[in-house]
Amino acid sequence: MALPDASARGSYAEHHTVPASQVVTRSAALDISQVAAIWVAYLTAYG
């Protein structure tokens, strides 16, 4: 999972290039949809 930075590179794409420092692992307990939903709440509140 990569931390989004919409102000610098946009974030709507099937594939996206990000710096390695922005990549984090996802918990095995969460599927892709659940992980993606975490950022929706963050960006709505703080974006």
PDB file of N, CA and C in Angstrom:
ATOM      1  N   MET A   1       0.854  -1.163   0.000  1.00  0.00           N
ATOM      2  CA  MET A   1       0.000   0.000   0.000  1.00  0.00           C
ATOM      3  C   MET A   1       0.904   1.231   0.000  1.00  0.00           C
ATOM      4  N   ALA A   2       0.540   2.209  -0.775  1.00  0.00           N
ATOM      5  CA  ALA A   2       1.322   3.446  -0.835  1.00  0.00           C
ATOM      6  C   ALA A   2       0.526   4.584  -0.215  1.00  0.00           C
ATOM      7  N   LEU A   3       1.206   5.431   0.505  1.00  0.00           N
ATOM      8  CA  LEU A   3       0.555   6.591   1.090  1.00  0.00           C
ATOM      9  C   LEU A   3       0.251   7.595  -0.009  1.00  0.00           C
ATOM     10  N   PRO A   4      -1.008   8.029  -0.142  1.00  0.00           N
ATOM     11  CA  PRO A   4      -1.356   8.931  -1.237  1.00  0.00           C
ATOM     12  C   PRO A   4      -0.784  10.333  -1.069  1.00  0.00           C
ATOM     13  N   ASP A   5      -0.460  10.934  -2.176  1.00  0.00           N
ATOM     14  CA  ASP A   5       0.008  12.318  -2.196  1.00  0.00           C
ATOM     15  C   ASP A   5      -0.622  12.978  -3.417  1.00  0.00           C
ATOM     16  N   ALA A   6      -1.929  13.200  -3.348  1.00  0.00           N
ATOM     17  CA  ALA A   6      -2.685  13.697  -4.487  1.00  0.00           C
ATOM     18  C   ALA A   6      -2.220  15.073  -4.947  1.00  0.00           C
ATOM     19  N   SER A   7      -1.669  15.868  -4.039  1.00  0.00           N
ATOM     20  CA  SER A   7      -1.230  17.204  -4.427  1.00  0.00           C
ATOM     21  C   SER A   7       0.003  17.163  -5.330  1.00  0.00           C
ATOM     22  N   ALA A   8       0.775  16.102  -5.263  1.00  0.00           N
ATOM     23  CA  ALA A   8       2.000  16.028  -6.055  1.00  0.00           C
ATOM     24  C   ALA A   8       1.841  15.219  -7.338  1.00  0.00           C
ATOM     25  N   ARG A   9       1.117  14.103  -7.278  1.00  0.00           N
ATOM     26  CA  ARG A   9       1.089  13.212  -8.424  1.00  0.00           C
ATOM     27  C   ARG A   9      -0.300  12.701  -8.803  1.00  0.00           C
ATOM     28  N   GLY A  10      -1.359  13.126  -8.157  1.00  0.00           N
ATOM     29  CA  GLY A  10      -2.672  12.546  -8.438  1.00  0.00           C
ATOM     30  C   GLY A  10      -2.766  11.153  -7.842  1.00  0.00           C
ATOM     31  N   SER A  11      -3.939  10.561  -7.833  1.00  0.00           N
ATOM     32  CA  SER A  11      -4.042   9.246  -7.216  1.00  0.00           C
ATOM     33  C   SER A  11      -5.057   8.326  -7.864  1.00  0.00           C
ATOM     34  N   TYR A  12      -5.659   8.701  -8.980  1.00  0.00           N
ATOM     35  CA  TYR A  12      -6.619   7.833  -9.642  1.00  0.00           C
ATOM     36  C   TYR A  12      -5.955   7.150 -10.829  1.00  0.00           C
ATOM     37  N   ALA A  13      -5.525   5.916 -10.628  1.00  0.00           N
ATOM     38  CA  ALA A  13      -4.876   5.160 -11.692  1.00  0.00           C
ATOM     39  C   ALA A  13      -4.843   3.689 -11.315  1.00  0.00           C
ATOM     40  N   GLU A  14      -4.696   2.841 -12.306  1.00  0.00           N
ATOM     41  CA  GLU A  14      -4.564   1.416 -12.040  1.00  0.00           C
ATOM     42  C   GLU A  14      -3.161   1.103 -11.514  1.00  0.00           C
ATOM     43  N   HIS A  15      -2.166   1.802 -12.039  1.00  0.00           N
ATOM     44  CA  HIS A  15      -0.778   1.666 -11.596  1.00  0.00           C
ATOM     45  C   HIS A  15      -0.268   3.062 -11.261  1.00  0.00           C
ATOM     46  N   HIS A  16       0.592   3.111 -10.264  1.00  0.00           N
ATOM     47  CA  HIS A  16       1.044   4.423  -9.807  1.00  0.00           C
ATOM     48  C   HIS A  16       2.494   4.304  -9.336  1.00  0.00           C
ATOM     49  N   THR A  17       3.314   5.276  -9.644  1.00  0.00           N
ATOM     50  CA  THR A  17       4.708   5.300  -9.211  1.00  0.00           C
ATOM     51  C   THR A  17       4.841   6.199  -7.995  1.00  0.00           C
ATOM     52  N   VAL A  18       5.439   5.661  -6.929  1.00  0.00           N
ATOM     53  CA  VAL A  18       5.645   6.440  -5.706  1.00  0.00           C
ATOM     54  C   VAL A  18       7.049   6.177  -5.184  1.00  0.00           C
ATOM     55  N   PRO A  19       7.595   7.094  -4.399  1.00  0.00           N
ATOM     56  CA  PRO A  19       8.905   6.850  -3.775  1.00  0.00           C
ATOM     57  C   PRO A  19       8.818   5.662  -2.808  1.00  0.00           C
ATOM     58  N   ALA A  20       9.871   4.890  -2.718  1.00  0.00           N
ATOM     59  CA  ALA A  20       9.894   3.722  -1.832  1.00  0.00           C
ATOM     60  C   ALA A  20       9.600   4.102  -0.382  1.00  0.00           C
ATOM     61  N   SER A  21       9.954   5.312   0.016  1.00  0.00           N
ATOM     62  CA  SER A  21       9.708   5.745   1.399  1.00  0.00           C
ATOM     63  C   SER A  21       8.218   5.908   1.697  1.00  0.00           C
ATOM     64  N   GLN A  22       7.376   5.948   0.661  1.00  0.00           N
ATOM     65  CA  GLN A  22       5.937   6.113   0.839  1.00  0.00           C
ATOM     66  C   GLN A  22       5.168   4.787   0.829  1.00  0.00           C
ATOM     67  N   VAL A  23       5.864   3.670   0.673  1.00  0.00           N
ATOM     68  CA  VAL A  23       5.212   2.359   0.591  1.00  0.00           C
ATOM     69  C   VAL A  23       5.228   1.693   1.962  1.00  0.00           C
ATOM     70  N   VAL A  24       4.071   1.198   2.381  1.00  0.00           N
ATOM     71  CA  VAL A  24       3.951   0.474   3.646  1.00  0.00           C
ATOM     72  C   VAL A  24       3.243  -0.852   3.390  1.00  0.00           C
ATOM     73  N   THR A  25       3.469  -1.820   4.245  1.00  0.00           N
ATOM     74  CA  THR A  25       2.801  -3.114   4.091  1.00  0.00           C
ATOM     75  C   THR A  25       1.394  -3.043   4.660  1.00  0.00           C
ATOM     76  N   ARG A  26       0.540  -3.903   4.157  1.00  0.00           N
ATOM     77  CA  ARG A  26      -0.821  -3.960   4.697  1.00  0.00           C
ATOM     78  C   ARG A  26      -0.939  -5.176   5.605  1.00  0.00           C
ATOM     79  N   SER A  27      -1.835  -5.079   6.556  1.00  0.00           N
ATOM     80  CA  SER A  27      -2.075  -6.182   7.478  1.00  0.00           C
ATOM     81  C   SER A  27      -2.718  -7.344   6.724  1.00  0.00           C
ATOM     82  N   ALA A  28      -2.296  -8.545   7.013  1.00  0.00           N
ATOM     83  CA  ALA A  28      -2.875  -9.732   6.383  1.00  0.00           C
ATOM     84  C   ALA A  28      -4.344  -9.911   6.775  1.00  0.00           C
ATOM     85  N   ALA A  29      -4.759  -9.271   7.857  1.00  0.00           N
ATOM     86  CA  ALA A  29      -6.143  -9.379   8.323  1.00  0.00           C
ATOM     87  C   ALA A  29      -7.109  -8.534   7.487  1.00  0.00           C
ATOM     88  N   LEU A  30      -6.572  -7.626   6.661  1.00  0.00           N
ATOM     89  CA  LEU A  30      -7.413  -6.747   5.852  1.00  0.00           C
ATOM     90  C   LEU A  30      -7.277  -7.090   4.370  1.00  0.00           C
ATOM     91  N   ASP A  31      -8.408  -7.091   3.649  1.00  0.00           N
ATOM     92  CA  ASP A  31      -8.317  -7.295   2.203  1.00  0.00           C
ATOM     93  C   ASP A  31      -8.100  -5.946   1.512  1.00  0.00           C
ATOM     94  N   ILE A  32      -7.909  -5.964   0.218  1.00  0.00           N
ATOM     95  CA  ILE A  32      -7.586  -4.751  -0.534  1.00  0.00           C
ATOM     96  C   ILE A  32      -8.673  -3.681  -0.387  1.00  0.00           C
ATOM     97  N   SER A  33      -9.935  -4.070  -0.434  1.00  0.00           N
ATOM     98  CA  SER A  33     -11.030  -3.104  -0.306  1.00  0.00           C
ATOM     99  C   SER A  33     -11.020  -2.413   1.053  1.00  0.00           C
ATOM    100  N   GLN A  34     -10.763  -3.160   2.102  1.00  0.00           N
ATOM    101  CA  GLN A  34     -10.717  -2.579   3.443  1.00  0.00           C
ATOM    102  C   GLN A  34      -9.552  -1.611   3.585  1.00  0.00           C
ATOM    103  N   VAL A  35      -8.404  -1.973   3.048  1.00  0.00           N
ATOM    104  CA  VAL A  35      -7.234  -1.097   3.125  1.00  0.00           C
ATOM    105  C   VAL A  35      -7.497   0.189   2.340  1.00  0.00           C
ATOM    106  N   ALA A  36      -8.089   0.077   1.170  1.00  0.00           N
ATOM    107  CA  ALA A  36      -8.386   1.256   0.358  1.00  0.00           C
ATOM    108  C   ALA A  36      -9.366   2.178   1.073  1.00  0.00           C
ATOM    109  N   ALA A  37     -10.301   1.632   1.798  1.00  0.00           N
ATOM    110  CA  ALA A  37     -11.309   2.436   2.498  1.00  0.00           C
ATOM    111  C   ALA A  37     -10.714   3.256   3.645  1.00  0.00           C
ATOM    112  N   ILE A  38      -9.626   2.828   4.223  1.00  0.00           N
ATOM    113  CA  ILE A  38      -8.993   3.570   5.314  1.00  0.00           C
ATOM    114  C   ILE A  38      -8.629   4.973   4.857  1.00  0.00           C
ATOM    115  N   TRP A  39      -8.069   5.114   3.660  1.00  0.00           N
ATOM    116  CA  TRP A  39      -7.621   6.412   3.161  1.00  0.00           C
ATOM    117  C   TRP A  39      -8.774   7.331   2.799  1.00  0.00           C
ATOM    118  N   VAL A  40      -9.944   6.771   2.464  1.00  0.00           N
ATOM    119  CA  VAL A  40     -11.103   7.612   2.139  1.00  0.00           C
ATOM    120  C   VAL A  40     -11.482   8.451   3.357  1.00  0.00           C
ATOM    121  N   ALA A  41     -11.549   7.840   4.513  1.00  0.00           N
ATOM    122  CA  ALA A  41     -11.893   8.567   5.736  1.00  0.00           C
ATOM    123  C   ALA A  41     -10.818   9.600   6.081  1.00  0.00           C
ATOM    124  N   TYR A  42      -9.560   9.227   5.924  1.00  0.00           N
ATOM    125  CA  TYR A  42      -8.463  10.159   6.234  1.00  0.00           C
ATOM    126  C   TYR A  42      -8.504  11.379   5.315  1.00  0.00           C
ATOM    127  N   LEU A  43      -8.618  11.156   4.024  1.00  0.00           N
ATOM    128  CA  LEU A  43      -8.602  12.261   3.088  1.00  0.00           C
ATOM    129  C   LEU A  43      -9.834  13.151   3.222  1.00  0.00           C
ATOM    130  N   THR A  44     -10.968  12.559   3.588  1.00  0.00           N
ATOM    131  CA  THR A  44     -12.175  13.358   3.791  1.00  0.00           C
ATOM    132  C   THR A  44     -11.996  14.291   4.994  1.00  0.00           C
ATOM    133  N   ALA A  45     -11.426  13.771   6.059  1.00  0.00           N
ATOM    134  CA  ALA A  45     -11.280  14.568   7.275  1.00  0.00           C
ATOM    135  C   ALA A  45     -10.117  15.550   7.215  1.00  0.00           C
ATOM    136  N   TYR A  46      -9.008  15.143   6.609  1.00  0.00           N
ATOM    137  CA  TYR A  46      -7.794  15.964   6.675  1.00  0.00           C
ATOM    138  C   TYR A  46      -7.288  16.454   5.327  1.00  0.00           C
ATOM    139  N   GLY A  47      -7.929  16.030   4.245  1.00  0.00           N
ATOM    140  CA  GLY A  47      -7.412  16.335   2.908  1.00  0.00           C
ATOM    141  C   GLY A  47      -7.726  17.640   2.379  1.00  0.00           C
TER     142      GLY A  47
END
